[in-house]
Amino acid sequence: MKTNEKINKNMMIGELMEKYPNLAEVLANDYGFHCIGCMGATMETLEEGARVHGLNGKEIAKMVTALNQLLTTKTGKK
């Protein structure tokens, strides 16, 4: 499974959790994604889930950037 792919707003939440399970806590605590394990998460993109949780386009872009920075920090990759 590849994990060097950047996170983007069009990724399915389920795919994101499969590739980067360590981000579940960040999504739940920092962005209100307390339903990571629900069935809807497998059928929604990161952007769709974020909008359901009240984030706007600018906030979603910041979230995606922050998640990618976390991956870079944790893996040491750029």
PDB file of N, CA and C in Angstrom:
ATOM      1  N   MET A   1       0.834  -1.177   0.000  1.00  0.00           N
ATOM      2  CA  MET A   1       0.000   0.000   0.000  1.00  0.00           C
ATOM      3  C   MET A   1       0.883   1.246   0.000  1.00  0.00           C
ATOM      4  N   LYS A   2       0.625   2.154  -0.931  1.00  0.00           N
ATOM      5  CA  LYS A   2       1.418   3.376  -1.011  1.00  0.00           C
ATOM      6  C   LYS A   2       1.000   4.344   0.090  1.00  0.00           C
ATOM      7  N   THR A   3       1.978   4.954   0.712  1.00  0.00           N
ATOM      8  CA  THR A   3       1.651   5.981   1.700  1.00  0.00           C
ATOM      9  C   THR A   3       2.407   7.273   1.423  1.00  0.00           C
ATOM     10  N   ASN A   4       3.005   7.384   0.230  1.00  0.00           N
ATOM     11  CA  ASN A   4       3.735   8.600  -0.085  1.00  0.00           C
ATOM     12  C   ASN A   4       2.887   9.568  -0.906  1.00  0.00           C
ATOM     13  N   GLU A   5       1.633   9.233  -1.125  1.00  0.00           N
ATOM     14  CA  GLU A   5       0.697  10.072  -1.850  1.00  0.00           C
ATOM     15  C   GLU A   5       0.205  11.181  -0.929  1.00  0.00           C
ATOM     16  N   LYS A   6       0.094  12.376  -1.475  1.00  0.00           N
ATOM     17  CA  LYS A   6      -0.403  13.488  -0.675  1.00  0.00           C
ATOM     18  C   LYS A   6      -1.900  13.366  -0.451  1.00  0.00           C
ATOM     19  N   ILE A   7      -2.322  13.835   0.696  1.00  0.00           N
ATOM     20  CA  ILE A   7      -3.743  13.892   1.019  1.00  0.00           C
ATOM     21  C   ILE A   7      -4.349  15.054   0.244  1.00  0.00           C
ATOM     22  N   ASN A   8      -5.554  14.840  -0.278  1.00  0.00           N
ATOM     23  CA  ASN A   8      -6.267  15.928  -0.934  1.00  0.00           C
ATOM     24  C   ASN A   8      -7.739  15.863  -0.542  1.00  0.00           C
ATOM     25  N   LYS A   9      -8.444  16.929  -0.798  1.00  0.00           N
ATOM     26  CA  LYS A   9      -9.835  17.039  -0.356  1.00  0.00           C
ATOM     27  C   LYS A   9     -10.763  16.053  -1.051  1.00  0.00           C
ATOM     28  N   ASN A  10     -10.334  15.475  -2.158  1.00  0.00           N
ATOM     29  CA  ASN A  10     -11.167  14.543  -2.916  1.00  0.00           C
ATOM     30  C   ASN A  10     -10.967  13.084  -2.517  1.00  0.00           C
ATOM     31  N   MET A  11     -10.063  12.828  -1.573  1.00  0.00           N
ATOM     32  CA  MET A  11      -9.858  11.460  -1.091  1.00  0.00           C
ATOM     33  C   MET A  11     -11.073  11.013  -0.302  1.00  0.00           C
ATOM     34  N   MET A  12     -11.426   9.761  -0.460  1.00  0.00           N
ATOM     35  CA  MET A  12     -12.501   9.198   0.342  1.00  0.00           C
ATOM     36  C   MET A  12     -11.989   9.068   1.778  1.00  0.00           C
ATOM     37  N   ILE A  13     -12.835   9.357   2.742  1.00  0.00           N
ATOM     38  CA  ILE A  13     -12.429   9.292   4.142  1.00  0.00           C
ATOM     39  C   ILE A  13     -11.973   7.876   4.497  1.00  0.00           C
ATOM     40  N   GLY A  14     -12.674   6.883   4.007  1.00  0.00           N
ATOM     41  CA  GLY A  14     -12.291   5.498   4.270  1.00  0.00           C
ATOM     42  C   GLY A  14     -10.901   5.177   3.745  1.00  0.00           C
ATOM     43  N   GLU A  15     -10.586   5.669   2.548  1.00  0.00           N
ATOM     44  CA  GLU A  15      -9.257   5.473   1.962  1.00  0.00           C
ATOM     45  C   GLU A  15      -8.193   6.166   2.812  1.00  0.00           C
ATOM     46  N   LEU A  16      -8.513   7.371   3.259  1.00  0.00           N
ATOM     47  CA  LEU A  16      -7.594   8.129   4.103  1.00  0.00           C
ATOM     48  C   LEU A  16      -7.292   7.362   5.384  1.00  0.00           C
ATOM     49  N   MET A  17      -8.323   6.803   6.012  1.00  0.00           N
ATOM     50  CA  MET A  17      -8.137   6.054   7.254  1.00  0.00           C
ATOM     51  C   MET A  17      -7.383   4.748   7.022  1.00  0.00           C
ATOM     52  N   GLU A  18      -7.586   4.134   5.879  1.00  0.00           N
ATOM     53  CA  GLU A  18      -6.866   2.910   5.557  1.00  0.00           C
ATOM     54  C   GLU A  18      -5.372   3.176   5.372  1.00  0.00           C
ATOM     55  N   LYS A  19      -5.061   4.271   4.688  1.00  0.00           N
ATOM     56  CA  LYS A  19      -3.668   4.605   4.420  1.00  0.00           C
ATOM     57  C   LYS A  19      -2.973   5.250   5.614  1.00  0.00           C
ATOM     58  N   TYR A  20      -3.714   6.066   6.351  1.00  0.00           N
ATOM     59  CA  TYR A  20      -3.119   6.850   7.436  1.00  0.00           C
ATOM     60  C   TYR A  20      -3.959   6.748   8.707  1.00  0.00           C
ATOM     61  N   PRO A  21      -4.052   5.574   9.307  1.00  0.00           N
ATOM     62  CA  PRO A  21      -4.913   5.406  10.492  1.00  0.00           C
ATOM     63  C   PRO A  21      -4.506   6.297  11.669  1.00  0.00           C
ATOM     64  N   ASN A  22      -3.250   6.705  11.707  1.00  0.00           N
ATOM     65  CA  ASN A  22      -2.787   7.572  12.797  1.00  0.00           C
ATOM     66  C   ASN A  22      -3.411   8.967  12.746  1.00  0.00           C
ATOM     67  N   LEU A  23      -4.067   9.314  11.635  1.00  0.00           N
ATOM     68  CA  LEU A  23      -4.697  10.622  11.527  1.00  0.00           C
ATOM     69  C   LEU A  23      -6.128  10.642  12.065  1.00  0.00           C
ATOM     70  N   ALA A  24      -6.680   9.496  12.405  1.00  0.00           N
ATOM     71  CA  ALA A  24      -8.054   9.433  12.910  1.00  0.00           C
ATOM     72  C   ALA A  24      -8.238  10.310  14.142  1.00  0.00           C
ATOM     73  N   GLU A  25      -7.302  10.244  15.055  1.00  0.00           N
ATOM     74  CA  GLU A  25      -7.401  11.037  16.284  1.00  0.00           C
ATOM     75  C   GLU A  25      -7.351  12.532  15.979  1.00  0.00           C
ATOM     76  N   VAL A  26      -6.497  12.922  15.049  1.00  0.00           N
ATOM     77  CA  VAL A  26      -6.393  14.333  14.660  1.00  0.00           C
ATOM     78  C   VAL A  26      -7.708  14.802  14.039  1.00  0.00           C
ATOM     79  N   LEU A  27      -8.248  14.001  13.133  1.00  0.00           N
ATOM     80  CA  LEU A  27      -9.505  14.376  12.493  1.00  0.00           C
ATOM     81  C   LEU A  27     -10.638  14.484  13.511  1.00  0.00           C
ATOM     82  N   ALA A  28     -10.684  13.563  14.444  1.00  0.00           N
ATOM     83  CA  ALA A  28     -11.741  13.588  15.461  1.00  0.00           C
ATOM     84  C   ALA A  28     -11.565  14.765  16.417  1.00  0.00           C
ATOM     85  N   ASN A  29     -10.373  14.928  16.958  1.00  0.00           N
ATOM     86  CA  ASN A  29     -10.144  15.956  17.984  1.00  0.00           C
ATOM     87  C   ASN A  29     -10.047  17.369  17.439  1.00  0.00           C
ATOM     88  N   ASP A  30      -9.380  17.531  16.299  1.00  0.00           N
ATOM     89  CA  ASP A  30      -9.138  18.881  15.775  1.00  0.00           C
ATOM     90  C   ASP A  30     -10.219  19.372  14.818  1.00  0.00           C
ATOM     91  N   TYR A  31     -10.924  18.438  14.154  1.00  0.00           N
ATOM     92  CA  TYR A  31     -11.865  18.842  13.107  1.00  0.00           C
ATOM     93  C   TYR A  31     -13.286  18.302  13.306  1.00  0.00           C
ATOM     94  N   GLY A  32     -13.545  17.615  14.406  1.00  0.00           N
ATOM     95  CA  GLY A  32     -14.887  17.157  14.717  1.00  0.00           C
ATOM     96  C   GLY A  32     -15.354  15.914  13.974  1.00  0.00           C
ATOM     97  N   PHE A  33     -14.446  15.196  13.358  1.00  0.00           N
ATOM     98  CA  PHE A  33     -14.799  13.973  12.625  1.00  0.00           C
ATOM     99  C   PHE A  33     -14.919  12.807  13.603  1.00  0.00           C
ATOM    100  N   HIS A  34     -15.937  12.830  14.440  1.00  0.00           N
ATOM    101  CA  HIS A  34     -16.107  11.775  15.433  1.00  0.00           C
ATOM    102  C   HIS A  34     -16.765  10.537  14.850  1.00  0.00           C
ATOM    103  N   CYS A  35     -17.092  10.602  13.577  1.00  0.00           N
ATOM    104  CA  CYS A  35     -17.780   9.480  12.927  1.00  0.00           C
ATOM    105  C   CYS A  35     -16.856   8.757  11.942  1.00  0.00           C
ATOM    106  N   ILE A  36     -15.573   8.780  12.172  1.00  0.00           N
ATOM    107  CA  ILE A  36     -14.594   8.171  11.272  1.00  0.00           C
ATOM    108  C   ILE A  36     -14.960   6.728  10.928  1.00  0.00           C
ATOM    109  N   GLY A  37     -15.446   5.977  11.880  1.00  0.00           N
ATOM    110  CA  GLY A  37     -15.745   4.574  11.641  1.00  0.00           C
ATOM    111  C   GLY A  37     -17.133   4.299  11.096  1.00  0.00           C
ATOM    112  N   CYS A  38     -17.940   5.332  10.897  1.00  0.00           N
ATOM    113  CA  CYS A  38     -19.306   5.084  10.430  1.00  0.00           C
ATOM    114  C   CYS A  38     -19.338   4.764   8.939  1.00  0.00           C
ATOM    115  N   MET A  39     -20.415   4.173   8.510  1.00  0.00           N
ATOM    116  CA  MET A  39     -20.560   3.768   7.108  1.00  0.00           C
ATOM    117  C   MET A  39     -20.452   4.958   6.156  1.00  0.00           C
ATOM    118  N   GLY A  40     -20.972   6.101   6.564  1.00  0.00           N
ATOM    119  CA  GLY A  40     -20.919   7.285   5.716  1.00  0.00           C
ATOM    120  C   GLY A  40     -19.499   7.700   5.369  1.00  0.00           C
ATOM    121  N   ALA A  41     -18.578   7.443   6.268  1.00  0.00           N
ATOM    122  CA  ALA A  41     -17.185   7.821   6.036  1.00  0.00           C
ATOM    123  C   ALA A  41     -16.597   7.097   4.832  1.00  0.00           C
ATOM    124  N   THR A  42     -17.110   5.940   4.509  1.00  0.00           N
ATOM    125  CA  THR A  42     -16.580   5.197   3.365  1.00  0.00           C
ATOM    126  C   THR A  42     -17.135   5.739   2.053  1.00  0.00           C
ATOM    127  N   MET A  43     -18.196   6.539   2.120  1.00  0.00           N
ATOM    128  CA  MET A  43     -18.835   7.038   0.909  1.00  0.00           C
ATOM    129  C   MET A  43     -18.694   8.549   0.731  1.00  0.00           C
ATOM    130  N   GLU A  44     -17.915   9.193   1.596  1.00  0.00           N
ATOM    131  CA  GLU A  44     -17.735  10.640   1.512  1.00  0.00           C
ATOM    132  C   GLU A  44     -16.272  10.982   1.282  1.00  0.00           C
ATOM    133  N   THR A  45     -16.074  12.064   0.541  1.00  0.00           N
ATOM    134  CA  THR A  45     -14.723  12.582   0.402  1.00  0.00           C
ATOM    135  C   THR A  45     -14.387  13.373   1.664  1.00  0.00           C
ATOM    136  N   LEU A  46     -13.129  13.679   1.819  1.00  0.00           N
ATOM    137  CA  LEU A  46     -12.694  14.492   2.949  1.00  0.00           C
ATOM    138  C   LEU A  46     -13.408  15.837   2.931  1.00  0.00           C
ATOM    139  N   GLU A  47     -13.555  16.419   1.755  1.00  0.00           N
ATOM    140  CA  GLU A  47     -14.244  17.704   1.643  1.00  0.00           C
ATOM    141  C   GLU A  47     -15.720  17.585   2.041  1.00  0.00           C
ATOM    142  N   GLU A  48     -16.399  16.560   1.563  1.00  0.00           N
ATOM    143  CA  GLU A  48     -17.808  16.382   1.912  1.00  0.00           C
ATOM    144  C   GLU A  48     -17.987  16.206   3.418  1.00  0.00           C
ATOM    145  N   GLY A  49     -17.143  15.392   4.009  1.00  0.00           N
ATOM    146  CA  GLY A  49     -17.211  15.187   5.455  1.00  0.00           C
ATOM    147  C   GLY A  49     -16.937  16.472   6.218  1.00  0.00           C
ATOM    148  N   ALA A  50     -15.971  17.236   5.740  1.00  0.00           N
ATOM    149  CA  ALA A  50     -15.625  18.497   6.403  1.00  0.00           C
ATOM    150  C   ALA A  50     -16.776  19.491   6.316  1.00  0.00           C
ATOM    151  N   ARG A  51     -17.416  19.546   5.178  1.00  0.00           N
ATOM    152  CA  ARG A  51     -18.547  20.471   5.021  1.00  0.00           C
ATOM    153  C   ARG A  51     -19.705  20.081   5.931  1.00  0.00           C
ATOM    154  N   VAL A  52     -19.953  18.779   6.075  1.00  0.00           N
ATOM    155  CA  VAL A  52     -20.994  18.299   6.984  1.00  0.00           C
ATOM    156  C   VAL A  52     -20.683  18.737   8.416  1.00  0.00           C
ATOM    157  N   HIS A  53     -19.390  18.809   8.733  1.00  0.00           N
ATOM    158  CA  HIS A  53     -18.971  19.200  10.077  1.00  0.00           C
ATOM    159  C   HIS A  53     -18.732  20.704  10.205  1.00  0.00           C
ATOM    160  N   GLY A  54     -19.210  21.487   9.206  1.00  0.00           N
ATOM    161  CA  GLY A  54     -19.221  22.940   9.321  1.00  0.00           C
ATOM    162  C   GLY A  54     -17.996  23.676   8.821  1.00  0.00           C
ATOM    163  N   LEU A  55     -17.070  22.999   8.170  1.00  0.00           N
ATOM    164  CA  LEU A  55     -15.886  23.686   7.662  1.00  0.00           C
ATOM    165  C   LEU A  55     -16.183  24.297   6.294  1.00  0.00           C
ATOM    166  N   ASN A  56     -15.611  25.467   6.044  1.00  0.00           N
ATOM    167  CA  ASN A  56     -15.770  26.097   4.736  1.00  0.00           C
ATOM    168  C   ASN A  56     -14.549  25.784   3.869  1.00  0.00           C
ATOM    169  N   GLY A  57     -14.551  26.257   2.642  1.00  0.00           N
ATOM    170  CA  GLY A  57     -13.483  25.947   1.699  1.00  0.00           C
ATOM    171  C   GLY A  57     -12.094  26.319   2.195  1.00  0.00           C
ATOM    172  N   LYS A  58     -11.969  27.484   2.788  1.00  0.00           N
ATOM    173  CA  LYS A  58     -10.676  27.945   3.297  1.00  0.00           C
ATOM    174  C   LYS A  58     -10.195  27.053   4.450  1.00  0.00           C
ATOM    175  N   GLU A  59     -11.126  26.694   5.337  1.00  0.00           N
ATOM    176  CA  GLU A  59     -10.787  25.824   6.471  1.00  0.00           C
ATOM    177  C   GLU A  59     -10.413  24.420   5.996  1.00  0.00           C
ATOM    178  N   ILE A  60     -11.077  23.960   4.957  1.00  0.00           N
ATOM    179  CA  ILE A  60     -10.761  22.639   4.398  1.00  0.00           C
ATOM    180  C   ILE A  60      -9.361  22.644   3.808  1.00  0.00           C
ATOM    181  N   ALA A  61      -9.018  23.691   3.093  1.00  0.00           N
ATOM    182  CA  ALA A  61      -7.672  23.798   2.516  1.00  0.00           C
ATOM    183  C   ALA A  61      -6.611  23.799   3.617  1.00  0.00           C
ATOM    184  N   LYS A  62      -6.868  24.523   4.698  1.00  0.00           N
ATOM    185  CA  LYS A  62      -5.933  24.546   5.832  1.00  0.00           C
ATOM    186  C   LYS A  62      -5.814  23.168   6.474  1.00  0.00           C
ATOM    187  N   MET A  63      -6.951  22.459   6.590  1.00  0.00           N
ATOM    188  CA  MET A  63      -6.945  21.124   7.175  1.00  0.00           C
ATOM    189  C   MET A  63      -6.105  20.176   6.324  1.00  0.00           C
ATOM    190  N   VAL A  64      -6.290  20.204   5.017  1.00  0.00           N
ATOM    191  CA  VAL A  64      -5.535  19.325   4.117  1.00  0.00           C
ATOM    192  C   VAL A  64      -4.042  19.624   4.232  1.00  0.00           C
ATOM    193  N   THR A  65      -3.688  20.899   4.266  1.00  0.00           N
ATOM    194  CA  THR A  65      -2.282  21.281   4.423  1.00  0.00           C
ATOM    195  C   THR A  65      -1.731  20.772   5.745  1.00  0.00           C
ATOM    196  N   ALA A  66      -2.490  20.942   6.810  1.00  0.00           N
ATOM    197  CA  ALA A  66      -2.045  20.493   8.136  1.00  0.00           C
ATOM    198  C   ALA A  66      -1.874  18.973   8.173  1.00  0.00           C
ATOM    199  N   LEU A  67      -2.803  18.236   7.565  1.00  0.00           N
ATOM    200  CA  LEU A  67      -2.698  16.771   7.551  1.00  0.00           C
ATOM    201  C   LEU A  67      -1.458  16.328   6.777  1.00  0.00           C
ATOM    202  N   ASN A  68      -1.194  16.973   5.652  1.00  0.00           N
ATOM    203  CA  ASN A  68       0.010  16.631   4.885  1.00  0.00           C
ATOM    204  C   ASN A  68       1.275  16.980   5.657  1.00  0.00           C
ATOM    205  N   GLN A  69       1.255  18.070   6.394  1.00  0.00           N
ATOM    206  CA  GLN A  69       2.413  18.435   7.217  1.00  0.00           C
ATOM    207  C   GLN A  69       2.636  17.405   8.313  1.00  0.00           C
ATOM    208  N   LEU A  70       1.567  16.906   8.895  1.00  0.00           N
ATOM    209  CA  LEU A  70       1.694  15.861   9.914  1.00  0.00           C
ATOM    210  C   LEU A  70       2.341  14.612   9.325  1.00  0.00           C
ATOM    211  N   LEU A  71       1.943  14.254   8.119  1.00  0.00           N
ATOM    212  CA  LEU A  71       2.548  13.082   7.468  1.00  0.00           C
ATOM    213  C   LEU A  71       4.026  13.293   7.242  1.00  0.00           C
ATOM    214  N   THR A  72       4.390  14.480   6.783  1.00  0.00           N
ATOM    215  CA  THR A  72       5.794  14.789   6.536  1.00  0.00           C
ATOM    216  C   THR A  72       6.591  14.734   7.829  1.00  0.00           C
ATOM    217  N   THR A  73       6.029  15.283   8.890  1.00  0.00           N
ATOM    218  CA  THR A  73       6.696  15.285  10.197  1.00  0.00           C
ATOM    219  C   THR A  73       6.871  13.882  10.735  1.00  0.00           C
ATOM    220  N   LYS A  74       5.825  13.060  10.618  1.00  0.00           N
ATOM    221  CA  LYS A  74       5.868  11.718  11.194  1.00  0.00           C
ATOM    222  C   LYS A  74       6.708  10.741  10.367  1.00  0.00           C
ATOM    223  N   THR A  75       6.788  10.967   9.037  1.00  0.00           N
ATOM    224  CA  THR A  75       7.522  10.025   8.206  1.00  0.00           C
ATOM    225  C   THR A  75       8.887  10.532   7.805  1.00  0.00           C
ATOM    226  N   GLY A  76       9.098  11.847   7.971  1.00  0.00           N
ATOM    227  CA  GLY A  76      10.359  12.430   7.568  1.00  0.00           C
ATOM    228  C   GLY A  76      10.455  12.626   6.076  1.00  0.00           C
ATOM    229  N   LYS A  77       9.348  12.447   5.355  1.00  0.00           N
ATOM    230  CA  LYS A  77       9.333  12.615   3.890  1.00  0.00           C
ATOM    231  C   LYS A  77       8.837  13.986   3.548  1.00  0.00           C
ATOM    232  N   LYS A  78       9.167  14.421   2.338  1.00  0.00           N
ATOM    233  CA  LYS A  78       8.690  15.719   1.845  1.00  0.00           C
ATOM    234  C   LYS A  78       7.798  15.526   0.651  1.00  0.00           C
TER     235      LYS A  78
END
